[in-house]
Amino acid sequence: MAIAEVSVVPLGTKTPSVSQYVARAVKVLEQEKGIRFEMTAMGTIIEGDLDRILTVVKKMHEKTFGEGVARVLTTVKIDERRDKDQDTKTKLDSLKKKL
């Protein structure tokens, strides 16, 4: 399983607030089956098969265009281990044990 952090940012909007565009991208995630995600203040964490994650990130990116948005900046950070299973909970638990 892979873990990805995704940030989708529309550029050149009429207002500095981008939450309406982010909401549109998150609605794409809500419709996906077999993808776990968690919203944060700075991005969205997605867990699942890497191919599925990349497919849904593209959908999120495309969905952000509209209402006058001509440019979208999408940042993706991927963490994937192939030696053992991991998810966000196990990563956080490992860190907490060391604190």
N, C-alpha and C. Protein backbone atom coordinates (compact mmCIF):
# COMPACT_ATOMS: atom_id res chain seq x y z
N MET A 1 0.85 -1.18 0.00
CA MET A 1 0.00 0.00 0.00
C MET A 1 0.89 1.24 0.00
N ALA A 2 0.46 2.24 -0.73
CA ALA A 2 1.18 3.50 -0.78
C ALA A 2 0.41 4.55 0.02
N ILE A 3 1.16 5.55 0.46
CA ILE A 3 0.57 6.71 1.13
C ILE A 3 1.03 7.92 0.34
N ALA A 4 0.08 8.78 -0.01
CA ALA A 4 0.42 9.98 -0.77
C ALA A 4 -0.18 11.20 -0.09
N GLU A 5 0.56 12.29 -0.15
CA GLU A 5 0.03 13.58 0.29
C GLU A 5 -0.17 14.42 -0.96
N VAL A 6 -1.38 14.94 -1.13
CA VAL A 6 -1.74 15.67 -2.33
C VAL A 6 -2.22 17.06 -1.96
N SER A 7 -1.76 18.03 -2.72
CA SER A 7 -2.22 19.40 -2.57
C SER A 7 -2.59 19.92 -3.95
N VAL A 8 -3.84 20.34 -4.11
CA VAL A 8 -4.33 20.85 -5.39
C VAL A 8 -4.66 22.33 -5.19
N VAL A 9 -3.98 23.19 -5.95
CA VAL A 9 -4.13 24.63 -5.76
C VAL A 9 -4.46 25.30 -7.09
N PRO A 10 -5.64 25.93 -7.19
CA PRO A 10 -5.95 26.70 -8.39
C PRO A 10 -5.20 28.03 -8.35
N LEU A 11 -4.70 28.45 -9.49
CA LEU A 11 -3.98 29.72 -9.57
C LEU A 11 -4.81 30.73 -10.37
N GLY A 12 -4.70 31.98 -9.98
CA GLY A 12 -5.38 33.04 -10.71
C GLY A 12 -6.87 33.13 -10.44
N THR A 13 -7.30 32.76 -9.24
CA THR A 13 -8.72 32.86 -8.90
C THR A 13 -9.05 34.31 -8.54
N LYS A 14 -10.32 34.61 -8.48
CA LYS A 14 -10.76 35.97 -8.18
C LYS A 14 -10.62 36.34 -6.71
N THR A 15 -10.40 35.34 -5.87
CA THR A 15 -10.31 35.56 -4.43
C THR A 15 -9.15 34.75 -3.87
N PRO A 16 -8.56 35.18 -2.76
CA PRO A 16 -7.48 34.38 -2.16
C PRO A 16 -7.97 33.06 -1.55
N SER A 17 -9.26 32.94 -1.28
CA SER A 17 -9.82 31.71 -0.72
C SER A 17 -9.92 30.66 -1.82
N VAL A 18 -9.43 29.45 -1.52
CA VAL A 18 -9.49 28.38 -2.51
C VAL A 18 -10.30 27.18 -2.02
N SER A 19 -10.97 27.32 -0.88
CA SER A 19 -11.67 26.17 -0.29
C SER A 19 -12.76 25.61 -1.20
N GLN A 20 -13.43 26.44 -1.98
CA GLN A 20 -14.47 25.91 -2.88
C GLN A 20 -13.87 25.01 -3.95
N TYR A 21 -12.65 25.30 -4.39
CA TYR A 21 -11.98 24.47 -5.39
C TYR A 21 -11.44 23.19 -4.75
N VAL A 22 -10.91 23.31 -3.55
CA VAL A 22 -10.42 22.14 -2.82
C VAL A 22 -11.59 21.20 -2.54
N ALA A 23 -12.72 21.74 -2.18
CA ALA A 23 -13.90 20.91 -1.92
C ALA A 23 -14.29 20.12 -3.16
N ARG A 24 -14.17 20.72 -4.30
CA ARG A 24 -14.49 20.04 -5.56
C ARG A 24 -13.55 18.84 -5.75
N ALA A 25 -12.28 19.02 -5.44
CA ALA A 25 -11.30 17.94 -5.57
C ALA A 25 -11.56 16.84 -4.54
N VAL A 26 -11.92 17.21 -3.32
CA VAL A 26 -12.19 16.21 -2.28
C VAL A 26 -13.44 15.40 -2.61
N LYS A 27 -14.41 16.00 -3.26
CA LYS A 27 -15.61 15.27 -3.66
C LYS A 27 -15.26 14.13 -4.63
N VAL A 28 -14.23 14.31 -5.41
CA VAL A 28 -13.76 13.23 -6.28
C VAL A 28 -13.33 12.05 -5.41
N LEU A 29 -12.59 12.31 -4.35
CA LEU A 29 -12.13 11.26 -3.44
C LEU A 29 -13.30 10.55 -2.77
N GLU A 30 -14.29 11.30 -2.38
CA GLU A 30 -15.45 10.72 -1.69
C GLU A 30 -16.19 9.71 -2.57
N GLN A 31 -16.07 9.84 -3.86
CA GLN A 31 -16.77 8.94 -4.78
C GLN A 31 -15.95 7.69 -5.11
N GLU A 32 -14.69 7.66 -4.71
CA GLU A 32 -13.82 6.52 -5.01
C GLU A 32 -13.99 5.42 -3.98
N LYS A 33 -14.06 4.20 -4.44
CA LYS A 33 -14.16 3.04 -3.55
C LYS A 33 -12.75 2.49 -3.33
N GLY A 34 -12.47 2.02 -2.11
CA GLY A 34 -11.19 1.40 -1.82
C GLY A 34 -10.04 2.36 -1.62
N ILE A 35 -10.35 3.64 -1.50
CA ILE A 35 -9.32 4.65 -1.24
C ILE A 35 -9.63 5.29 0.10
N ARG A 36 -8.66 5.23 1.01
CA ARG A 36 -8.84 5.92 2.30
C ARG A 36 -8.14 7.26 2.21
N PHE A 37 -8.75 8.27 2.81
CA PHE A 37 -8.12 9.59 2.79
C PHE A 37 -8.43 10.35 4.06
N GLU A 38 -7.58 11.31 4.33
CA GLU A 38 -7.74 12.19 5.49
C GLU A 38 -7.35 13.60 5.06
N MET A 39 -8.26 14.53 5.25
CA MET A 39 -7.97 15.93 4.93
C MET A 39 -7.17 16.56 6.06
N THR A 40 -6.22 17.40 5.70
CA THR A 40 -5.50 18.20 6.68
C THR A 40 -5.58 19.65 6.23
N ALA A 41 -5.07 20.54 7.04
CA ALA A 41 -5.12 21.96 6.69
C ALA A 41 -4.25 22.30 5.49
N MET A 42 -3.26 21.45 5.19
CA MET A 42 -2.31 21.77 4.13
C MET A 42 -2.35 20.81 2.95
N GLY A 43 -3.20 19.81 2.99
CA GLY A 43 -3.27 18.84 1.91
C GLY A 43 -4.14 17.68 2.32
N THR A 44 -4.15 16.65 1.50
CA THR A 44 -4.94 15.46 1.77
C THR A 44 -4.05 14.24 1.70
N ILE A 45 -4.16 13.36 2.70
CA ILE A 45 -3.41 12.12 2.75
C ILE A 45 -4.30 11.03 2.14
N ILE A 46 -3.75 10.28 1.19
CA ILE A 46 -4.49 9.22 0.53
C ILE A 46 -3.72 7.91 0.70
N GLU A 47 -4.44 6.84 1.07
CA GLU A 47 -3.83 5.52 1.21
C GLU A 47 -4.49 4.56 0.22
N GLY A 48 -3.67 3.72 -0.41
CA GLY A 48 -4.22 2.72 -1.32
C GLY A 48 -3.18 2.23 -2.30
N ASP A 49 -3.64 1.52 -3.29
CA ASP A 49 -2.79 1.04 -4.36
C ASP A 49 -2.25 2.24 -5.14
N LEU A 50 -0.96 2.22 -5.44
CA LEU A 50 -0.32 3.38 -6.09
C LEU A 50 -0.98 3.74 -7.41
N ASP A 51 -1.30 2.76 -8.23
CA ASP A 51 -1.95 3.07 -9.51
C ASP A 51 -3.29 3.76 -9.30
N ARG A 52 -4.05 3.29 -8.32
CA ARG A 52 -5.35 3.92 -8.02
C ARG A 52 -5.16 5.34 -7.50
N ILE A 53 -4.15 5.52 -6.64
CA ILE A 53 -3.88 6.87 -6.11
C ILE A 53 -3.55 7.82 -7.25
N LEU A 54 -2.67 7.42 -8.14
CA LEU A 54 -2.28 8.30 -9.25
C LEU A 54 -3.47 8.61 -10.16
N THR A 55 -4.33 7.63 -10.36
CA THR A 55 -5.53 7.86 -11.18
C THR A 55 -6.45 8.88 -10.52
N VAL A 56 -6.66 8.74 -9.21
CA VAL A 56 -7.57 9.65 -8.52
C VAL A 56 -6.95 11.04 -8.40
N VAL A 57 -5.64 11.13 -8.26
CA VAL A 57 -4.99 12.45 -8.22
C VAL A 57 -5.20 13.18 -9.54
N LYS A 58 -5.11 12.47 -10.64
CA LYS A 58 -5.37 13.09 -11.94
C LYS A 58 -6.80 13.60 -12.01
N LYS A 59 -7.75 12.79 -11.52
CA LYS A 59 -9.15 13.22 -11.51
C LYS A 59 -9.34 14.47 -10.66
N MET A 60 -8.67 14.51 -9.50
CA MET A 60 -8.76 15.68 -8.62
C MET A 60 -8.19 16.91 -9.32
N HIS A 61 -7.07 16.74 -9.97
CA HIS A 61 -6.42 17.83 -10.70
C HIS A 61 -7.35 18.38 -11.78
N GLU A 62 -7.92 17.48 -12.58
CA GLU A 62 -8.81 17.89 -13.67
C GLU A 62 -10.08 18.55 -13.16
N LYS A 63 -10.61 18.04 -12.06
CA LYS A 63 -11.86 18.57 -11.50
C LYS A 63 -11.70 20.00 -11.01
N THR A 64 -10.48 20.40 -10.67
CA THR A 64 -10.24 21.73 -10.12
C THR A 64 -10.37 22.83 -11.18
N PHE A 65 -10.17 22.47 -12.44
CA PHE A 65 -10.38 23.45 -13.51
C PHE A 65 -11.87 23.77 -13.59
N GLY A 66 -12.18 24.98 -13.96
CA GLY A 66 -13.58 25.41 -14.06
C GLY A 66 -13.76 26.72 -13.33
N GLU A 67 -14.89 27.34 -13.54
CA GLU A 67 -15.20 28.64 -12.93
C GLU A 67 -14.06 29.62 -13.15
N GLY A 68 -13.51 29.64 -14.35
CA GLY A 68 -12.47 30.61 -14.68
C GLY A 68 -11.06 30.21 -14.31
N VAL A 69 -10.87 29.04 -13.74
CA VAL A 69 -9.52 28.59 -13.38
C VAL A 69 -8.83 28.05 -14.64
N ALA A 70 -7.73 28.68 -15.01
CA ALA A 70 -7.01 28.27 -16.21
C ALA A 70 -5.69 27.57 -15.87
N ARG A 71 -5.34 27.57 -14.57
CA ARG A 71 -4.08 26.96 -14.17
C ARG A 71 -4.24 26.31 -12.80
N VAL A 72 -3.75 25.07 -12.67
CA VAL A 72 -3.83 24.33 -11.41
C VAL A 72 -2.47 23.75 -11.11
N LEU A 73 -2.01 23.95 -9.88
CA LEU A 73 -0.74 23.40 -9.41
C LEU A 73 -1.06 22.26 -8.44
N THR A 74 -0.67 21.05 -8.82
CA THR A 74 -0.90 19.88 -7.97
C THR A 74 0.44 19.31 -7.55
N THR A 75 0.60 19.15 -6.24
CA THR A 75 1.83 18.59 -5.68
C THR A 75 1.49 17.23 -5.07
N VAL A 76 2.33 16.23 -5.37
CA VAL A 76 2.11 14.88 -4.86
C VAL A 76 3.41 14.39 -4.22
N LYS A 77 3.29 13.91 -3.00
CA LYS A 77 4.41 13.28 -2.30
C LYS A 77 3.99 11.85 -2.00
N ILE A 78 4.81 10.86 -2.41
CA ILE A 78 4.45 9.45 -2.28
C ILE A 78 5.43 8.74 -1.36
N ASP A 79 4.89 7.95 -0.44
CA ASP A 79 5.69 7.08 0.42
C ASP A 79 5.17 5.66 0.21
N GLU A 80 6.04 4.79 -0.27
CA GLU A 80 5.62 3.41 -0.50
C GLU A 80 6.73 2.47 -0.04
N ARG A 81 6.37 1.57 0.85
CA ARG A 81 7.31 0.53 1.30
C ARG A 81 6.90 -0.78 0.70
N ARG A 82 7.88 -1.54 0.28
CA ARG A 82 7.58 -2.85 -0.30
C ARG A 82 8.11 -3.98 0.55
N ASP A 83 8.76 -3.63 1.67
CA ASP A 83 9.27 -4.67 2.56
C ASP A 83 8.27 -5.05 3.65
N LYS A 84 7.29 -4.18 3.91
CA LYS A 84 6.25 -4.50 4.89
C LYS A 84 5.06 -3.58 4.66
N ASP A 85 3.91 -3.97 5.21
CA ASP A 85 2.71 -3.14 5.10
C ASP A 85 2.85 -1.91 5.97
N GLN A 86 2.33 -0.81 5.48
CA GLN A 86 2.31 0.41 6.29
C GLN A 86 1.07 1.21 5.93
N ASP A 87 0.61 1.96 6.90
CA ASP A 87 -0.44 2.94 6.68
C ASP A 87 -0.13 4.11 7.60
N THR A 88 -0.96 5.12 7.56
CA THR A 88 -0.65 6.31 8.37
C THR A 88 -0.65 6.00 9.86
N LYS A 89 -1.52 5.09 10.28
CA LYS A 89 -1.57 4.74 11.71
C LYS A 89 -0.27 4.08 12.16
N THR A 90 0.22 3.12 11.40
CA THR A 90 1.46 2.43 11.81
C THR A 90 2.65 3.39 11.78
N LYS A 91 2.66 4.31 10.83
CA LYS A 91 3.75 5.30 10.79
C LYS A 91 3.73 6.19 12.03
N LEU A 92 2.54 6.65 12.40
CA LEU A 92 2.42 7.52 13.58
C LEU A 92 2.73 6.74 14.86
N ASP A 93 2.26 5.50 14.94
CA ASP A 93 2.53 4.68 16.13
C ASP A 93 4.04 4.48 16.30
N SER A 94 4.74 4.23 15.22
CA SER A 94 6.19 4.05 15.28
C SER A 94 6.87 5.32 15.79
N LEU A 95 6.44 6.45 15.32
CA LEU A 95 7.02 7.71 15.78
C LEU A 95 6.74 7.95 17.25
N LYS A 96 5.51 7.71 17.68
CA LYS A 96 5.13 7.95 19.08
C LYS A 96 5.92 7.08 20.04
N LYS A 97 6.24 5.86 19.63
CA LYS A 97 7.05 4.97 20.48
C LYS A 97 8.45 5.54 20.72
N LYS A 98 8.92 6.32 19.78
CA LYS A 98 10.27 6.86 19.88
C LYS A 98 10.31 8.22 20.60
N LEU A 99 9.16 8.79 20.84
CA LEU A 99 9.12 10.10 21.52
C LEU A 99 9.18 9.96 23.03
